[in-house]
Protein backbone atom coordinates (compact mmCIF):
# COMPACT_ATOMS: atom_id res chain seq x y z
CA MET A 1 -13.02 108.02 37.58
CA ASN A 2 -15.27 104.99 37.23
CA LEU A 3 -16.38 102.05 39.33
CA ALA A 4 -13.59 99.84 37.95
CA ASP A 5 -11.07 102.01 39.82
CA PHE A 6 -12.60 100.69 43.05
CA SER A 7 -12.40 96.98 42.24
CA SER A 8 -8.76 96.24 41.42
CA PRO A 9 -6.60 94.02 43.66
CA ALA A 10 -4.38 97.05 44.35
CA PHE A 11 -7.40 99.01 45.58
CA PHE A 12 -8.44 96.34 48.06
CA ASP A 13 -4.87 96.06 49.35
CA ASN A 14 -4.59 99.83 49.80
CA PRO A 15 -7.57 102.00 48.79
CA TYR A 16 -6.12 105.30 49.99
CA PRO A 17 -4.27 106.39 46.81
CA VAL A 18 -7.55 105.95 44.90
CA TYR A 19 -9.37 107.90 47.60
CA GLU A 20 -6.87 110.74 47.19
CA ARG A 21 -7.57 110.87 43.45
CA LEU A 22 -11.30 110.88 44.21
CA ARG A 23 -10.98 113.91 46.51
CA GLN A 24 -8.84 115.71 43.93
CA ALA A 25 -11.46 115.02 41.25
CA GLY A 26 -14.00 117.24 43.01
CA ASN A 27 -16.77 117.37 45.57
CA LEU A 28 -19.10 114.99 43.74
CA VAL A 29 -17.74 112.73 41.02
CA PRO A 30 -20.09 110.96 38.55
CA VAL A 31 -19.24 107.25 38.25
CA GLY A 32 -22.26 105.94 36.36
CA PRO A 33 -25.89 106.65 35.46
CA ALA A 34 -27.49 108.28 38.53
CA LEU A 35 -24.39 107.36 40.55
CA MET A 36 -21.95 109.74 42.25
CA MET A 37 -19.10 109.40 44.74
CA THR A 38 -17.50 111.72 47.25
CA GLY A 39 -14.57 111.46 49.61
CA ARG A 40 -14.82 114.93 51.16
CA TYR A 41 -15.37 114.91 54.94
CA ASP A 42 -17.46 118.09 55.28
CA LEU A 43 -19.66 117.19 52.33
CA ILE A 44 -20.29 113.66 53.58
CA GLU A 45 -21.16 114.88 57.06
CA ALA A 46 -23.56 117.48 55.59
CA LEU A 47 -25.27 114.93 53.32
CA LEU A 48 -25.61 112.40 56.15
CA HIS A 49 -27.54 115.01 58.14
CA ASP A 50 -29.68 116.06 55.14
CA ARG A 51 -33.14 114.45 55.37
CA ARG A 52 -33.50 114.75 51.60
CA MET A 53 -30.78 112.08 51.30
CA GLY A 54 -32.23 108.75 52.40
CA LYS A 55 -32.29 105.04 51.74
CA ALA A 56 -33.55 103.36 48.56
CA TYR A 57 -32.40 99.84 49.19
CA LEU A 58 -34.64 97.70 46.98
CA PRO A 59 -34.33 100.02 43.95
CA SER A 60 -30.54 99.71 44.31
CA VAL A 61 -30.85 95.91 44.41
CA ILE A 62 -32.98 95.96 41.24
CA ALA A 63 -30.44 98.21 39.52
CA ARG A 64 -27.62 95.73 40.27
CA TYR A 65 -29.39 92.36 40.05
CA GLY A 66 -32.60 92.89 38.06
CA PRO A 67 -36.28 93.07 39.09
CA LEU A 68 -36.55 89.46 40.27
CA ALA A 69 -33.79 89.94 42.85
CA VAL A 70 -36.22 91.39 45.40
CA GLU A 71 -37.48 87.82 45.94
CA GLN A 72 -34.06 86.62 47.03
CA PRO A 73 -34.10 85.81 50.79
CA VAL A 74 -31.02 87.85 51.61
CA PHE A 75 -32.37 91.03 50.02
CA ARG A 76 -35.79 90.57 51.63
CA ALA A 77 -34.11 90.17 55.01
CA ILE A 78 -31.91 93.25 54.62
CA SER A 79 -34.83 95.37 53.39
CA ARG A 80 -36.66 94.78 56.70
CA MET A 81 -33.78 96.11 58.81
CA PHE A 82 -34.37 99.53 60.33
CA LEU A 83 -31.04 100.56 58.79
CA MET A 84 -32.76 100.59 55.38
CA ALA A 85 -35.83 102.60 56.40
CA ASN A 86 -36.56 106.31 56.06
CA PRO A 87 -38.60 108.52 58.43
CA PRO A 88 -41.21 108.17 59.75
CA GLU A 89 -40.76 104.38 59.67
CA HIS A 90 -37.08 104.63 60.62
CA THR A 91 -37.93 106.92 63.52
CA ARG A 92 -40.47 104.44 64.87
CA LEU A 93 -38.13 101.45 64.55
CA ARG A 94 -35.03 103.16 65.95
CA THR A 95 -36.93 104.60 68.92
CA LEU A 96 -38.29 101.18 69.85
CA LEU A 97 -34.91 99.50 69.46
CA MET A 98 -33.20 102.12 71.60
CA HIS A 99 -35.48 101.29 74.53
CA ALA A 100 -33.92 97.83 74.67
CA PHE A 101 -30.44 98.58 73.32
CA ASN A 102 -29.64 101.35 75.81
CA ALA A 103 -26.53 102.65 77.56
CA ARG A 104 -27.32 100.82 80.80
CA ARG A 105 -27.43 97.49 78.99
CA ILE A 106 -24.02 98.17 77.41
CA GLU A 107 -22.55 99.13 80.78
CA ASP A 108 -23.91 95.93 82.31
CA LEU A 109 -21.96 93.96 79.69
CA SER A 110 -18.58 95.22 80.93
CA GLY A 111 -18.00 92.14 83.07
CA VAL A 112 -18.94 89.86 80.17
CA MET A 113 -16.46 91.64 77.89
CA HIS A 114 -13.60 91.18 80.36
CA GLN A 115 -14.56 87.58 81.08
CA GLN A 116 -14.77 86.56 77.43
CA ALA A 117 -11.53 88.34 76.51
CA ALA A 118 -9.74 86.54 79.34
CA SER A 119 -11.24 83.20 78.32
CA LEU A 120 -10.00 83.56 74.74
CA VAL A 121 -6.53 84.63 75.85
CA ASP A 122 -6.33 81.64 78.21
CA ALA A 123 -7.29 79.30 75.37
CA MET A 124 -4.40 80.39 73.15
CA PRO A 125 -1.49 77.95 72.81
CA ALA A 126 1.47 78.42 75.13
CA THR A 127 3.64 79.46 72.22
CA GLY A 128 2.84 81.06 68.89
CA PRO A 129 2.35 81.57 66.11
CA VAL A 130 -1.39 82.08 66.35
CA ASP A 131 -3.97 83.62 64.04
CA LEU A 132 -5.38 86.51 66.06
CA MET A 133 -8.38 86.91 63.76
CA ALA A 134 -9.56 83.32 64.23
CA SER A 135 -8.59 82.98 67.89
CA TYR A 136 -9.46 86.42 69.27
CA CYS A 137 -10.67 89.27 67.02
CA ILE A 138 -13.59 87.36 65.47
CA PRO A 139 -14.81 85.24 68.40
CA LEU A 140 -14.74 88.00 71.03
CA PRO A 141 -17.53 90.24 69.65
CA LEU A 142 -19.41 87.11 68.62
CA ARG A 143 -19.34 85.77 72.18
CA ILE A 144 -20.48 89.12 73.57
CA ILE A 145 -23.47 89.17 71.23
CA CYS A 146 -24.29 85.58 72.25
CA ARG A 147 -24.29 86.63 75.90
CA MET A 148 -26.48 89.64 75.09
CA LEU A 149 -29.02 87.31 73.52
CA ASP A 150 -28.46 84.42 75.95
CA VAL A 151 -27.74 81.93 73.20
CA PRO A 152 -25.11 79.16 73.43
CA ILE A 153 -21.67 80.11 72.18
CA GLU A 154 -21.68 76.90 70.13
CA ASP A 155 -24.70 78.25 68.22
CA GLY A 156 -22.87 81.54 67.80
CA HIS A 157 -20.22 79.95 65.61
CA LEU A 158 -22.83 78.79 63.10
CA LEU A 159 -24.61 82.13 63.28
CA GLY A 160 -21.32 83.96 62.80
CA GLN A 161 -20.57 81.99 59.64
CA SER A 162 -24.05 82.78 58.35
CA ALA A 163 -23.60 86.47 59.18
CA ALA A 164 -20.26 86.54 57.33
CA ALA A 165 -21.97 85.15 54.21
CA LEU A 166 -24.92 87.55 54.49
CA VAL A 167 -22.80 90.68 54.98
CA ARG A 168 -21.32 90.33 51.50
CA ALA A 169 -24.71 91.32 50.09
CA PHE A 170 -24.12 94.84 51.44
CA ASP A 171 -21.22 95.30 49.05
CA LEU A 172 -21.14 97.68 46.11
CA ALA A 173 -20.29 95.06 43.48
CA PRO A 174 -22.94 92.44 42.62
CA LEU A 175 -22.29 88.97 44.01
CA ASP A 176 -21.66 86.08 41.66
CA GLU A 177 -24.07 83.14 41.66
CA THR A 178 -22.14 81.13 44.25
CA ALA A 179 -21.71 84.02 46.69
CA LEU A 180 -25.36 85.00 46.32
CA ALA A 181 -26.44 81.44 47.09
CA GLU A 182 -24.25 81.48 50.22
CA ALA A 183 -25.71 84.85 51.28
CA ASN A 184 -29.24 83.50 50.83
CA LYS A 185 -28.38 80.40 52.87
CA GLY A 186 -26.90 82.63 55.59
CA ALA A 187 -30.03 84.80 55.70
CA LEU A 188 -32.36 81.81 55.90
CA THR A 189 -30.27 80.17 58.63
CA LEU A 190 -30.29 83.32 60.74
CA GLU A 191 -33.99 83.95 60.18
CA SER A 192 -34.91 80.40 61.11
CA TYR A 193 -32.83 80.51 64.28
CA PHE A 194 -34.19 83.83 65.51
CA GLU A 195 -37.78 82.92 64.65
CA ARG A 196 -37.44 79.88 66.91
CA LEU A 197 -35.73 81.91 69.61
CA LEU A 198 -38.43 84.57 69.44
CA ARG A 199 -41.13 81.97 70.08
CA VAL A 200 -39.17 80.64 73.07
CA ARG A 201 -38.64 84.11 74.56
CA ARG A 202 -42.32 84.99 74.20
CA ARG A 203 -43.16 81.94 76.32
CA GLN A 204 -40.22 82.26 78.71
CA PRO A 205 -38.77 85.80 78.78
CA GLY A 206 -35.41 86.34 80.46
CA GLY A 207 -32.94 89.13 81.06
CA ASP A 208 -31.49 89.09 77.55
CA LEU A 209 -31.73 91.71 74.81
CA LEU A 210 -34.36 89.85 72.80
CA SER A 211 -36.65 89.56 75.85
CA ALA A 212 -36.14 93.27 76.55
CA LEU A 213 -36.96 94.07 72.95
CA ILE A 214 -40.19 92.04 73.11
CA LEU A 215 -41.19 93.87 76.29
CA ALA A 216 -40.19 97.33 75.05
CA THR A 217 -42.03 96.96 71.75
CA SER A 218 -45.20 95.22 72.92
CA GLY A 219 -48.54 96.93 72.42
CA GLU A 220 -49.85 99.20 69.69
CA GLY A 221 -47.15 100.46 67.32
CA GLY A 222 -44.60 97.88 68.49
CA LEU A 223 -42.32 95.80 66.35
CA SER A 224 -43.78 92.93 64.36
CA ASP A 225 -42.17 89.50 64.59
CA ASP A 226 -40.62 90.02 61.14
CA GLU A 227 -39.14 93.34 62.25
CA ILE A 228 -37.71 91.85 65.44
CA VAL A 229 -36.12 88.96 63.54
CA ALA A 230 -34.71 91.27 60.84
CA ASN A 231 -33.08 93.49 63.42
CA MET A 232 -31.62 90.54 65.31
CA LEU A 233 -29.94 89.70 62.00
CA LEU A 234 -28.65 93.27 61.79
CA LEU A 235 -27.26 93.04 65.32
CA PHE A 236 -25.36 89.87 64.46
CA VAL A 237 -24.04 91.14 61.15
CA ALA A 238 -23.08 94.66 62.23
CA GLY A 239 -21.88 93.90 65.73
CA HIS A 240 -19.81 90.91 64.73
CA GLU A 241 -18.09 91.82 61.44
CA THR A 242 -17.39 95.51 61.96
CA THR A 243 -15.84 95.14 65.41
CA SER A 244 -13.67 92.12 64.60
CA ASN A 245 -12.26 93.76 61.47
CA MET A 246 -11.65 97.03 63.29
CA LEU A 247 -9.67 95.29 66.02
CA GLY A 248 -7.51 93.59 63.40
CA ASN A 249 -6.92 96.87 61.55
CA ALA A 250 -5.94 98.63 64.78
CA LEU A 251 -3.39 95.95 65.65
CA ILE A 252 -1.88 96.11 62.16
CA HIS A 253 -1.30 99.86 62.16
CA LEU A 254 -0.16 100.06 65.76
CA TYR A 255 2.45 97.37 65.21
CA ARG A 256 3.58 98.80 61.88
CA ASP A 257 4.70 101.96 63.67
CA PRO A 258 7.25 101.03 66.36
CA VAL A 259 7.03 104.47 67.95
CA GLN A 260 3.24 104.31 68.35
CA TRP A 261 3.40 100.68 69.52
CA GLN A 262 5.95 101.55 72.20
CA ARG A 263 3.98 104.60 73.33
CA LEU A 264 0.92 102.46 73.92
CA ARG A 265 2.99 99.77 75.61
CA GLU A 266 4.43 102.29 78.04
CA ASP A 267 1.14 104.09 78.66
CA PRO A 268 -2.00 101.89 78.52
CA SER A 269 -4.15 104.97 79.25
CA LEU A 270 -3.66 105.78 75.54
CA THR A 271 -5.78 102.77 74.47
CA GLN A 272 -8.91 104.81 73.78
CA ALA A 273 -6.97 107.43 71.81
CA ALA A 274 -5.21 104.69 69.86
CA LEU A 275 -8.52 103.11 68.87
CA VAL A 276 -10.04 106.44 67.86
CA GLU A 277 -7.04 107.10 65.65
CA ALA A 278 -7.23 103.59 64.18
CA MET A 279 -10.92 104.12 63.36
CA ARG A 280 -9.96 107.33 61.58
CA TYR A 281 -6.89 105.96 59.85
CA ASP A 282 -8.29 102.65 58.56
CA SER A 283 -11.90 102.12 59.54
CA SER A 284 -13.53 98.73 59.06
CA VAL A 285 -16.60 100.53 57.65
CA GLN A 286 -15.40 102.19 54.46
CA MET A 287 -18.55 103.26 52.65
CA VAL A 288 -22.20 104.16 53.06
CA ALA A 289 -24.72 105.15 50.40
CA ARG A 290 -27.61 107.58 50.30
CA THR A 291 -30.14 108.33 47.57
CA ALA A 292 -31.70 111.70 46.85
CA LEU A 293 -35.38 111.48 47.82
CA SER A 294 -35.87 114.99 46.39
CA PRO A 295 -33.55 117.36 44.51
CA VAL A 296 -30.43 118.47 46.41
CA ARG A 297 -27.81 120.99 45.31
CA VAL A 298 -24.18 120.94 46.44
CA GLY A 299 -22.67 124.25 45.35
CA ASP A 300 -23.27 124.34 41.61
CA ILE A 301 -23.74 120.56 41.35
CA PRO A 302 -27.34 119.25 41.34
CA ILE A 303 -28.19 115.84 42.79
CA GLU A 304 -31.35 114.80 41.02
CA THR A 305 -34.05 112.71 42.68
CA GLY A 306 -33.09 109.04 42.50
CA THR A 307 -29.35 109.68 42.29
CA THR A 308 -27.31 107.53 44.67
CA VAL A 309 -24.22 108.99 46.30
CA PHE A 310 -21.55 106.59 47.55
CA MET A 311 -19.92 108.27 50.54
CA LEU A 312 -16.41 106.96 51.10
CA LEU A 313 -15.90 107.24 54.86
CA GLY A 314 -12.39 105.88 54.49
CA ALA A 315 -11.54 108.76 52.15
CA ALA A 316 -13.24 111.34 54.39
CA ASN A 317 -11.18 110.16 57.36
CA ARG A 318 -8.00 111.03 55.42
CA ASP A 319 -9.27 114.36 54.04
CA PRO A 320 -6.44 116.95 54.43
CA ALA A 321 -9.08 119.69 54.58
CA LYS A 322 -10.19 118.16 57.90
CA PHE A 323 -7.06 116.54 59.35
CA ASP A 324 -3.47 117.73 59.51
CA ASN A 325 -1.07 115.24 57.94
CA PRO A 326 -3.95 112.74 57.52
CA ASP A 327 -1.83 109.86 56.20
CA ARG A 328 0.19 109.79 59.41
CA PHE A 329 -0.96 107.35 62.10
CA ASP A 330 -0.66 109.26 65.38
CA ILE A 331 -2.27 108.07 68.61
CA GLY A 332 -1.47 111.45 70.13
CA ARG A 333 -3.53 113.30 67.53
CA GLU A 334 -5.59 116.02 69.19
CA ASN A 335 -8.04 116.97 66.43
CA HIS A 336 -10.25 114.04 65.46
CA GLY A 337 -13.38 116.10 64.95
CA ARG A 338 -16.58 114.08 64.87
CA LEU A 339 -15.74 110.42 64.33
CA ILE A 340 -17.45 109.71 61.01
CA SER A 341 -16.58 106.00 61.00
CA PHE A 342 -19.92 105.30 62.74
CA SER A 343 -21.77 107.36 60.11
CA ALA A 344 -23.82 110.38 61.21
CA GLY A 345 -27.30 111.84 61.27
CA ILE A 346 -30.35 109.67 61.90
CA HIS A 347 -28.43 106.56 60.81
CA HIS A 348 -25.55 107.01 63.27
CA CYS A 349 -24.59 103.50 64.39
CA LEU A 350 -26.86 102.30 67.19
CA GLY A 351 -24.11 99.95 68.40
CA ALA A 352 -21.28 102.50 68.49
CA ARG A 353 -21.07 102.44 72.28
CA LEU A 354 -20.94 98.63 72.34
CA ALA A 355 -18.29 98.53 69.61
CA THR A 356 -15.96 101.05 71.26
CA ALA A 357 -16.30 99.37 74.68
CA THR A 358 -15.54 95.95 73.16
CA LEU A 359 -12.53 97.28 71.27
CA GLN A 360 -11.04 98.91 74.34
CA VAL A 361 -11.40 95.80 76.50
CA ALA A 362 -10.04 93.62 73.68
CA LEU A 363 -6.93 95.69 73.04
CA ASP A 364 -6.18 96.24 76.74
CA LYS A 365 -6.44 92.52 77.52
CA LEU A 366 -4.37 91.38 74.56
CA LEU A 367 -1.47 93.79 75.21
CA SER A 368 -1.42 93.26 78.97
CA SER A 369 -1.44 89.47 78.55
CA PHE A 370 1.36 89.30 75.98
CA PRO A 371 4.22 91.75 76.69
CA LYS A 372 6.20 90.32 73.77
CA LEU A 373 3.34 90.22 71.27
CA ALA A 374 4.60 90.60 67.69
CA ILE A 375 2.52 90.73 64.52
CA VAL A 376 4.17 88.75 61.71
CA GLY A 377 3.63 88.58 57.95
CA LEU A 378 2.61 92.23 57.56
CA ASP A 379 3.93 92.24 53.99
CA ASP A 380 1.66 89.36 53.01
CA LEU A 381 -1.71 90.36 54.48
CA ARG A 382 -4.79 89.10 52.61
CA TRP A 383 -7.36 91.89 52.68
CA HIS A 384 -10.98 90.98 52.05
CA ARG A 385 -12.22 91.93 48.57
CA ARG A 386 -15.07 94.07 49.90
CA HIS A 387 -16.01 97.71 49.39
CA SER A 388 -18.10 98.29 52.50
CA LEU A 389 -16.02 96.44 55.11
CA ARG A 390 -12.22 96.48 55.29
CA GLY A 391 -10.26 93.85 57.15
CA VAL A 392 -7.87 90.93 56.81
CA ALA A 393 -8.58 87.22 56.56
CA THR A 394 -5.78 86.23 58.95
CA LEU A 395 -3.41 88.05 61.30
CA MET A 396 -0.54 85.94 62.55
CA ALA A 397 1.30 86.76 65.76
CA THR A 398 3.95 85.40 68.12
CA TYR A 399 4.30 86.15 71.82
């Protein structure tokens, strides 16, 4: 196999046949100089917990874009995110962020989630069709993040557009000149906004997440202003794009299977199980990468220092060695194992609790509000041409 296998239109429309070939090709498959891929669940989980496998973000940027790329605003911004750090720096950053982004704060957002979901449903036209991505799936997590940060929802739309441009820089394939310029503009827009907001919150702290972060990280060893701003960018990018795409994917696969759709309709208590299965079956996050910081051996295969391993979470979630009948979408599935869609190890998604809570409220509200909801145009879906994030551009529905 080679990287071209993962960039065809057919792959983006349905990557799972390629993932099956990847698993059949072996545990670790070379795809380029110092590049390997794997789609095996147990191997990915083991490597994600192995401290010898870490992040080498800027070297990967140089390998794809050349040595001058590290001066591009979008790559500078991403490199400051705690997601790209290794211990002990990652440990320091994550610990400080967790003080502000804690379980109590997520629980306190429950009312906001319900309120914003209801507001979006009420704003939909009396009759369809309607694009659920534009009217519901995308704006809901965006509004929740705005409320977390106490920023106007009107500002959130601009920030969301900037985040959508920036997130493309996380992809495996290099961006063309136009897309890179848009990603840089998105990064600069977000940085400028949060730098201004940070100055305001230092003068006038409130009950929002940014104020809590300033308080929790003040004093010796706290976050610098650059680190705070970078991780506000991460919150917007990760919390907005991943959740909106996952909600769309869940609706697609639930509606495609009339039996599963009816089961959920008749028993709303299955919502959480349905979302867990959707995250297994077609996760919005499809891939993560780790680089060997020192030599690692997997069976008889050596991973030399500096080798990057692309870990296909989407393939791992359909691994028949882990899941019975993995290509069947079943909301009654009993054996999900550890949900790998949020990654694992020290880089397990900090916002997993927020994402799952948002998804459950979103799906519950949508189905309870529209008893006759029907997804249309399933044969003509336009999937984003991205490796890291999977989702559709539009999702039309009637009700």
